[in-house]
Structure formats: structure tokens, C-alpha cells
Amino acid sequence: MEKGDVFLKRNNRDERTYRLVLVALMITMTLILNRVLPSTPVYHLTVDFIPVFIVAVLFGPVWSAATYAVADTIGAILFPVGPYNPGITLTLLLIGLIFGLVFYKKDLTGISLWVRSFVASAGALLVKLFATTYFLFLIYGGPNGMGYLAYVIARIPNCVTFALLVFVLIPVVEKVIIERLKRIYR
């Protein structure tokens, strides 16, 4: 163990407990990251995908999907920004699922990491741009009476910025956090 590797020591007797505790910590981090910056229904930029990515790499698509969905549901109950929208929770579940399918038990070295990061950011872009926008449109309608397609166009800068954050930060998180957690966990 290196100096500073005391994040969470592995309990060899009960890995399920370790997994549940780490996932609970990542749900909490997702909540904190999601609720720190103020947002509007149209422009919501956050780095709350980082804990979901960590869970995706360590535990797979089911756990990462559940992490994002549970964090969104708890956030909607404890810190409501508007009416609860299960469609938004579904889109976040899909993004968590994409992260898990793209990164779990895969080669995350060199160019492969950047290619996977691009695939994940493209998947997140499509889900955010079309599905999340659709569910926001159902709840809030289009800004200034716009239709769905106009709402999609209005959200392009926000969704592209989110995809760029995913593309750039995932390799950084892999090198800084995931490699350390893998040494502790495995």
C-alpha cells in the first residue's frame, strides 16, 4: 500500500459489504456534485458522472446504472428542483448502463481508454440530447412556446459541453482515482 491509499481498505471476508459501502459513497458523491452548482431545466452542467464512472469500472453496468438512478431519485426527494420526473431518472440509468457496458472489464490503457471515452461521451450526448430533452419537454414545455425540435436545438451547447466533459475527465479519473482503487480492491 502506498501513502495515501487509505480511502477504503478492503475487507477480504465480505466483498459484498465493501461493494455496498463504496456504491453508497459514490451515490452520496453524485448527489453532492449534482446539487452544488445552480442550474435551470435547460442548462445543467455537472460532473456528477465521475462517481458513476468509478462504479462502472469497478462493478459493472448494473451497479453503475443503479447508482445514477438511485442518486437522482434521492436528489429529487431531498433537494427538489421541480416536479419529480421518472423519465430523467430513466435517462440517467441509461447513461450509467452505457458507462458500465463501455468500461467494465475492458482494456483502459493508451488509445483504448480514449476510444472508450469517446464512445461513452457520444452515448451520453445522444441520451442527453434526445431522451433527456424529451422528458424535460413533457414536464416544462419548450422555452417561449418552442416545440420539441427547437428545444433539442436549444440544448445542443449544453449537451455537447457535457459530452466534452465526459470525454476529457474520464481518462483523468481513470489515471488518478481508478488505478488506485483497483490496487486496493483487487
C-alpha atoms as a PDB file:
ATOM      1  CA  MET A   1       0.000   0.000   0.000  1.00  0.00           C
ATOM      2  CA  GLU A   2       1.263   3.441  -0.889  1.00  0.00           C
ATOM      3  CA  LYS A   3       0.994   6.510   1.274  1.00  0.00           C
ATOM      4  CA  GLY A   4      -2.487   7.987   0.856  1.00  0.00           C
ATOM      5  CA  ASP A   5      -4.135   4.657  -0.077  1.00  0.00           C
ATOM      6  CA  VAL A   6      -6.413   4.627   2.935  1.00  0.00           C
ATOM      7  CA  PHE A   7      -9.600   5.579   1.071  1.00  0.00           C
ATOM      8  CA  LEU A   8     -11.318   2.332   1.925  1.00  0.00           C
ATOM      9  CA  LYS A   9      -9.453  -0.797   2.954  1.00  0.00           C
ATOM     10  CA  ARG A  10     -10.761  -3.997   1.501  1.00  0.00           C
ATOM     11  CA  ASN A  11     -12.393  -6.470   3.826  1.00  0.00           C
ATOM     12  CA  ASN A  12     -11.386  -9.839   2.389  1.00  0.00           C
ATOM     13  CA  ARG A  13     -14.076 -11.655   4.355  1.00  0.00           C
ATOM     14  CA  ASP A  14     -17.034  -9.793   2.913  1.00  0.00           C
ATOM     15  CA  GLU A  15     -16.681  -8.207  -0.517  1.00  0.00           C
ATOM     16  CA  ARG A  16     -20.418  -7.538  -0.768  1.00  0.00           C
ATOM     17  CA  THR A  17     -20.190  -5.175   2.190  1.00  0.00           C
ATOM     18  CA  TYR A  18     -17.255  -3.388   0.572  1.00  0.00           C
ATOM     19  CA  ARG A  19     -19.183  -3.073  -2.684  1.00  0.00           C
ATOM     20  CA  LEU A  20     -22.307  -1.716  -0.990  1.00  0.00           C
ATOM     21  CA  VAL A  21     -20.325   0.794   1.061  1.00  0.00           C
ATOM     22  CA  LEU A  22     -18.367   2.018  -1.949  1.00  0.00           C
ATOM     23  CA  VAL A  23     -21.533   2.294  -4.074  1.00  0.00           C
ATOM     24  CA  ALA A  24     -23.269   4.184  -1.247  1.00  0.00           C
ATOM     25  CA  LEU A  25     -20.312   6.578  -1.077  1.00  0.00           C
ATOM     26  CA  MET A  26     -20.483   7.092  -4.845  1.00  0.00           C
ATOM     27  CA  ILE A  27     -24.240   7.767  -4.658  1.00  0.00           C
ATOM     28  CA  THR A  28     -23.517  10.371  -1.988  1.00  0.00           C
ATOM     29  CA  MET A  29     -20.770  11.929  -4.117  1.00  0.00           C
ATOM     30  CA  THR A  30     -23.115  12.013  -7.106  1.00  0.00           C
ATOM     31  CA  LEU A  31     -25.715  13.823  -5.008  1.00  0.00           C
ATOM     32  CA  ILE A  32     -23.187  16.365  -3.774  1.00  0.00           C
ATOM     33  CA  LEU A  33     -21.736  17.009  -7.229  1.00  0.00           C
ATOM     34  CA  ASN A  34     -25.175  17.278  -8.814  1.00  0.00           C
ATOM     35  CA  ARG A  35     -26.583  19.766  -6.309  1.00  0.00           C
ATOM     36  CA  VAL A  36     -23.582  22.109  -5.840  1.00  0.00           C
ATOM     37  CA  LEU A  37     -23.962  24.250  -8.974  1.00  0.00           C
ATOM     38  CA  PRO A  38     -27.225  26.090  -9.631  1.00  0.00           C
ATOM     39  CA  SER A  39     -28.960  25.189 -12.855  1.00  0.00           C
ATOM     40  CA  THR A  40     -32.065  25.703 -14.939  1.00  0.00           C
ATOM     41  CA  PRO A  41     -34.038  22.954 -16.668  1.00  0.00           C
ATOM     42  CA  VAL A  42     -32.278  23.726 -19.972  1.00  0.00           C
ATOM     43  CA  TYR A  43     -28.681  24.385 -18.833  1.00  0.00           C
ATOM     44  CA  HIS A  44     -27.482  21.860 -16.301  1.00  0.00           C
ATOM     45  CA  LEU A  45     -23.753  21.138 -16.344  1.00  0.00           C
ATOM     46  CA  THR A  46     -22.279  18.921 -13.705  1.00  0.00           C
ATOM     47  CA  VAL A  47     -19.522  16.388 -13.173  1.00  0.00           C
ATOM     48  CA  ASP A  48     -21.804  14.011 -11.281  1.00  0.00           C
ATOM     49  CA  PHE A  49     -20.922  11.292 -13.809  1.00  0.00           C
ATOM     50  CA  ILE A  50     -17.482  10.793 -12.204  1.00  0.00           C
ATOM     51  CA  PRO A  51     -18.686   8.605  -9.281  1.00  0.00           C
ATOM     52  CA  VAL A  52     -20.903   6.685 -11.725  1.00  0.00           C
ATOM     53  CA  PHE A  53     -17.863   6.063 -13.932  1.00  0.00           C
ATOM     54  CA  ILE A  54     -15.913   4.785 -10.906  1.00  0.00           C
ATOM     55  CA  VAL A  55     -18.716   2.325 -10.102  1.00  0.00           C
ATOM     56  CA  ALA A  56     -18.945   1.319 -13.787  1.00  0.00           C
ATOM     57  CA  VAL A  57     -15.270   0.400 -13.952  1.00  0.00           C
ATOM     58  CA  LEU A  58     -15.188  -1.432 -10.630  1.00  0.00           C
ATOM     59  CA  PHE A  59     -18.575  -3.170 -10.526  1.00  0.00           C
ATOM     60  CA  GLY A  60     -20.200  -3.115 -13.979  1.00  0.00           C
ATOM     61  CA  PRO A  61     -23.266  -1.816 -15.796  1.00  0.00           C
ATOM     62  CA  VAL A  62     -25.991  -2.887 -13.362  1.00  0.00           C
ATOM     63  CA  TRP A  63     -24.318  -1.187 -10.413  1.00  0.00           C
ATOM     64  CA  SER A  64     -23.456   1.982 -12.329  1.00  0.00           C
ATOM     65  CA  ALA A  65     -26.989   2.267 -13.716  1.00  0.00           C
ATOM     66  CA  ALA A  66     -28.419   1.762 -10.241  1.00  0.00           C
ATOM     67  CA  THR A  67     -26.001   4.333  -8.789  1.00  0.00           C
ATOM     68  CA  TYR A  68     -27.134   7.085 -11.155  1.00  0.00           C
ATOM     69  CA  ALA A  69     -30.833   6.206 -10.817  1.00  0.00           C
ATOM     70  CA  VAL A  70     -30.786   5.971  -7.016  1.00  0.00           C
ATOM     71  CA  ALA A  71     -28.793   9.210  -6.705  1.00  0.00           C
ATOM     72  CA  ASP A  72     -31.275  11.027  -8.941  1.00  0.00           C
ATOM     73  CA  THR A  73     -34.273   9.665  -7.048  1.00  0.00           C
ATOM     74  CA  ILE A  74     -32.818  10.600  -3.658  1.00  0.00           C
ATOM     75  CA  GLY A  75     -31.829  14.015  -5.006  1.00  0.00           C
ATOM     76  CA  ALA A  76     -35.357  14.608  -6.324  1.00  0.00           C
ATOM     77  CA  ILE A  77     -36.816  13.743  -2.920  1.00  0.00           C
ATOM     78  CA  LEU A  78     -34.333  15.597  -0.702  1.00  0.00           C
ATOM     79  CA  PHE A  79     -33.461  18.561  -2.962  1.00  0.00           C
ATOM     80  CA  PRO A  80     -36.319  19.038  -5.434  1.00  0.00           C
ATOM     81  CA  VAL A  81     -35.629  21.396  -8.330  1.00  0.00           C
ATOM     82  CA  GLY A  82     -39.073  20.905  -9.850  1.00  0.00           C
ATOM     83  CA  PRO A  83     -41.562  18.090 -10.140  1.00  0.00           C
ATOM     84  CA  TYR A  84     -40.043  14.607  -9.975  1.00  0.00           C
ATOM     85  CA  ASN A  85     -39.583  13.261 -13.481  1.00  0.00           C
ATOM     86  CA  PRO A  86     -39.037   9.484 -13.685  1.00  0.00           C
ATOM     87  CA  GLY A  87     -38.054   9.953 -17.336  1.00  0.00           C
ATOM     88  CA  ILE A  88     -34.958  11.875 -16.275  1.00  0.00           C
ATOM     89  CA  THR A  89     -34.128   9.057 -13.873  1.00  0.00           C
ATOM     90  CA  LEU A  90     -34.508   6.603 -16.762  1.00  0.00           C
ATOM     91  CA  THR A  91     -32.107   8.617 -18.947  1.00  0.00           C
ATOM     92  CA  LEU A  92     -29.528   8.716 -16.150  1.00  0.00           C
ATOM     93  CA  LEU A  93     -29.964   4.970 -15.683  1.00  0.00           C
ATOM     94  CA  LEU A  94     -29.228   4.576 -19.414  1.00  0.00           C
ATOM     95  CA  ILE A  95     -26.076   6.693 -19.137  1.00  0.00           C
ATOM     96  CA  GLY A  96     -24.900   4.601 -16.177  1.00  0.00           C
ATOM     97  CA  LEU A  97     -25.635   1.468 -18.193  1.00  0.00           C
ATOM     98  CA  ILE A  98     -23.647   2.822 -21.153  1.00  0.00           C
ATOM     99  CA  PHE A  99     -20.690   3.608 -18.886  1.00  0.00           C
ATOM    100  CA  GLY A 100     -20.785   0.105 -17.435  1.00  0.00           C
ATOM    101  CA  LEU A 101     -21.008  -1.595 -20.831  1.00  0.00           C
ATOM    102  CA  VAL A 102     -18.187   0.514 -22.257  1.00  0.00           C
ATOM    103  CA  PHE A 103     -15.739   0.369 -19.326  1.00  0.00           C
ATOM    104  CA  TYR A 104     -16.339  -2.729 -17.168  1.00  0.00           C
ATOM    105  CA  LYS A 105     -13.583  -5.342 -17.522  1.00  0.00           C
ATOM    106  CA  LYS A 106     -12.189  -3.617 -20.602  1.00  0.00           C
ATOM    107  CA  ASP A 107      -8.696  -2.536 -21.574  1.00  0.00           C
ATOM    108  CA  LEU A 108      -8.342   1.004 -20.254  1.00  0.00           C
ATOM    109  CA  THR A 109      -4.802   1.731 -21.340  1.00  0.00           C
ATOM    110  CA  GLY A 110      -3.433   4.013 -24.012  1.00  0.00           C
ATOM    111  CA  ILE A 111      -5.571   4.753 -27.032  1.00  0.00           C
ATOM    112  CA  SER A 112      -8.223   2.243 -25.956  1.00  0.00           C
ATOM    113  CA  LEU A 113      -9.131   4.454 -22.998  1.00  0.00           C
ATOM    114  CA  TRP A 114      -9.595   7.470 -25.285  1.00  0.00           C
ATOM    115  CA  VAL A 115     -11.678   5.468 -27.771  1.00  0.00           C
ATOM    116  CA  ARG A 116     -13.895   4.132 -24.963  1.00  0.00           C
ATOM    117  CA  SER A 117     -14.148   7.627 -23.516  1.00  0.00           C
ATOM    118  CA  PHE A 118     -15.286   8.893 -26.924  1.00  0.00           C
ATOM    119  CA  VAL A 119     -17.888   6.113 -27.232  1.00  0.00           C
ATOM    120  CA  ALA A 120     -19.199   6.840 -23.722  1.00  0.00           C
ATOM    121  CA  SER A 121     -19.363  10.576 -24.374  1.00  0.00           C
ATOM    122  CA  ALA A 122     -21.156  10.005 -27.703  1.00  0.00           C
ATOM    123  CA  GLY A 123     -23.678   7.722 -25.987  1.00  0.00           C
ATOM    124  CA  ALA A 124     -24.201  10.239 -23.188  1.00  0.00           C
ATOM    125  CA  LEU A 125     -24.604  13.013 -25.770  1.00  0.00           C
ATOM    126  CA  LEU A 126     -27.325  11.115 -27.632  1.00  0.00           C
ATOM    127  CA  VAL A 127     -29.207  10.203 -24.449  1.00  0.00           C
ATOM    128  CA  LYS A 128     -28.966  13.734 -23.009  1.00  0.00           C
ATOM    129  CA  LEU A 129     -29.775  15.494 -26.275  1.00  0.00           C
ATOM    130  CA  PHE A 130     -32.789  13.443 -27.310  1.00  0.00           C
ATOM    131  CA  ALA A 131     -34.173  11.456 -24.346  1.00  0.00           C
ATOM    132  CA  THR A 132     -33.493  13.916 -21.526  1.00  0.00           C
ATOM    133  CA  THR A 133     -34.719  16.783 -23.694  1.00  0.00           C
ATOM    134  CA  TYR A 134     -37.894  14.844 -24.471  1.00  0.00           C
ATOM    135  CA  PHE A 135     -38.676  14.274 -20.790  1.00  0.00           C
ATOM    136  CA  LEU A 136     -37.881  17.894 -19.939  1.00  0.00           C
ATOM    137  CA  PHE A 137     -40.176  18.966 -22.784  1.00  0.00           C
ATOM    138  CA  LEU A 138     -43.005  16.822 -21.383  1.00  0.00           C
ATOM    139  CA  ILE A 139     -42.722  18.472 -17.963  1.00  0.00           C
ATOM    140  CA  TYR A 140     -41.813  22.064 -18.784  1.00  0.00           C
ATOM    141  CA  GLY A 141     -42.722  22.511 -22.442  1.00  0.00           C
ATOM    142  CA  GLY A 142     -40.379  24.325 -24.764  1.00  0.00           C
ATOM    143  CA  PRO A 143     -38.885  27.669 -23.714  1.00  0.00           C
ATOM    144  CA  ASN A 144     -41.004  30.519 -25.112  1.00  0.00           C
ATOM    145  CA  GLY A 145     -43.507  28.051 -26.570  1.00  0.00           C
ATOM    146  CA  MET A 146     -40.927  26.240 -28.725  1.00  0.00           C
ATOM    147  CA  GLY A 147     -41.618  22.739 -29.988  1.00  0.00           C
ATOM    148  CA  TYR A 148     -39.544  19.661 -29.174  1.00  0.00           C
ATOM    149  CA  LEU A 149     -37.136  20.067 -32.108  1.00  0.00           C
ATOM    150  CA  ALA A 150     -36.464  23.695 -31.201  1.00  0.00           C
ATOM    151  CA  TYR A 151     -35.840  22.573 -27.612  1.00  0.00           C
ATOM    152  CA  VAL A 152     -33.339  19.994 -28.880  1.00  0.00           C
ATOM    153  CA  ILE A 153     -31.531  22.705 -30.821  1.00  0.00           C
ATOM    154  CA  ALA A 154     -31.530  24.995 -27.778  1.00  0.00           C
ATOM    155  CA  ARG A 155     -29.939  22.231 -25.675  1.00  0.00           C
ATOM    156  CA  ILE A 156     -27.142  21.373 -28.138  1.00  0.00           C
ATOM    157  CA  PRO A 157     -24.499  23.619 -26.461  1.00  0.00           C
ATOM    158  CA  ASN A 158     -25.288  22.182 -23.025  1.00  0.00           C
ATOM    159  CA  CYS A 159     -25.244  18.551 -24.192  1.00  0.00           C
ATOM    160  CA  VAL A 160     -22.078  18.945 -26.259  1.00  0.00           C
ATOM    161  CA  THR A 161     -20.327  20.592 -23.293  1.00  0.00           C
ATOM    162  CA  PHE A 162     -21.400  17.674 -21.079  1.00  0.00           C
ATOM    163  CA  ALA A 163     -20.077  15.188 -23.664  1.00  0.00           C
ATOM    164  CA  LEU A 164     -16.755  17.060 -23.799  1.00  0.00           C
ATOM    165  CA  LEU A 165     -16.521  16.936 -20.003  1.00  0.00           C
ATOM    166  CA  VAL A 166     -17.096  13.169 -20.140  1.00  0.00           C
ATOM    167  CA  PHE A 167     -14.521  12.724 -22.908  1.00  0.00           C
ATOM    168  CA  VAL A 168     -11.805  14.748 -21.153  1.00  0.00           C
ATOM    169  CA  LEU A 169     -12.389  13.847 -17.492  1.00  0.00           C
ATOM    170  CA  ILE A 170     -12.851  10.078 -17.790  1.00  0.00           C
ATOM    171  CA  PRO A 171      -9.202   9.407 -18.769  1.00  0.00           C
ATOM    172  CA  VAL A 172      -8.037  11.740 -15.987  1.00  0.00           C
ATOM    173  CA  VAL A 173     -10.226   9.982 -13.398  1.00  0.00           C
ATOM    174  CA  GLU A 174      -9.000   6.603 -14.680  1.00  0.00           C
ATOM    175  CA  LYS A 175      -5.371   7.558 -14.130  1.00  0.00           C
ATOM    176  CA  VAL A 176      -5.803   9.439 -10.844  1.00  0.00           C
ATOM    177  CA  ILE A 177      -8.540   7.531  -8.994  1.00  0.00           C
ATOM    178  CA  ILE A 178      -9.417   4.213 -10.645  1.00  0.00           C
ATOM    179  CA  GLU A 179      -5.893   2.819 -10.764  1.00  0.00           C
ATOM    180  CA  ARG A 180      -5.508   3.479  -7.032  1.00  0.00           C
ATOM    181  CA  LEU A 181      -8.899   1.937  -6.209  1.00  0.00           C
ATOM    182  CA  LYS A 182      -8.106  -1.141  -8.325  1.00  0.00           C
ATOM    183  CA  ARG A 183      -4.919  -1.723  -6.329  1.00  0.00           C
ATOM    184  CA  ILE A 184      -6.921  -1.591  -3.115  1.00  0.00           C
ATOM    185  CA  TYR A 185      -9.962  -3.527  -4.356  1.00  0.00           C
ATOM    186  CA  ARG A 186      -8.316  -6.352  -6.251  1.00  0.00           C
END
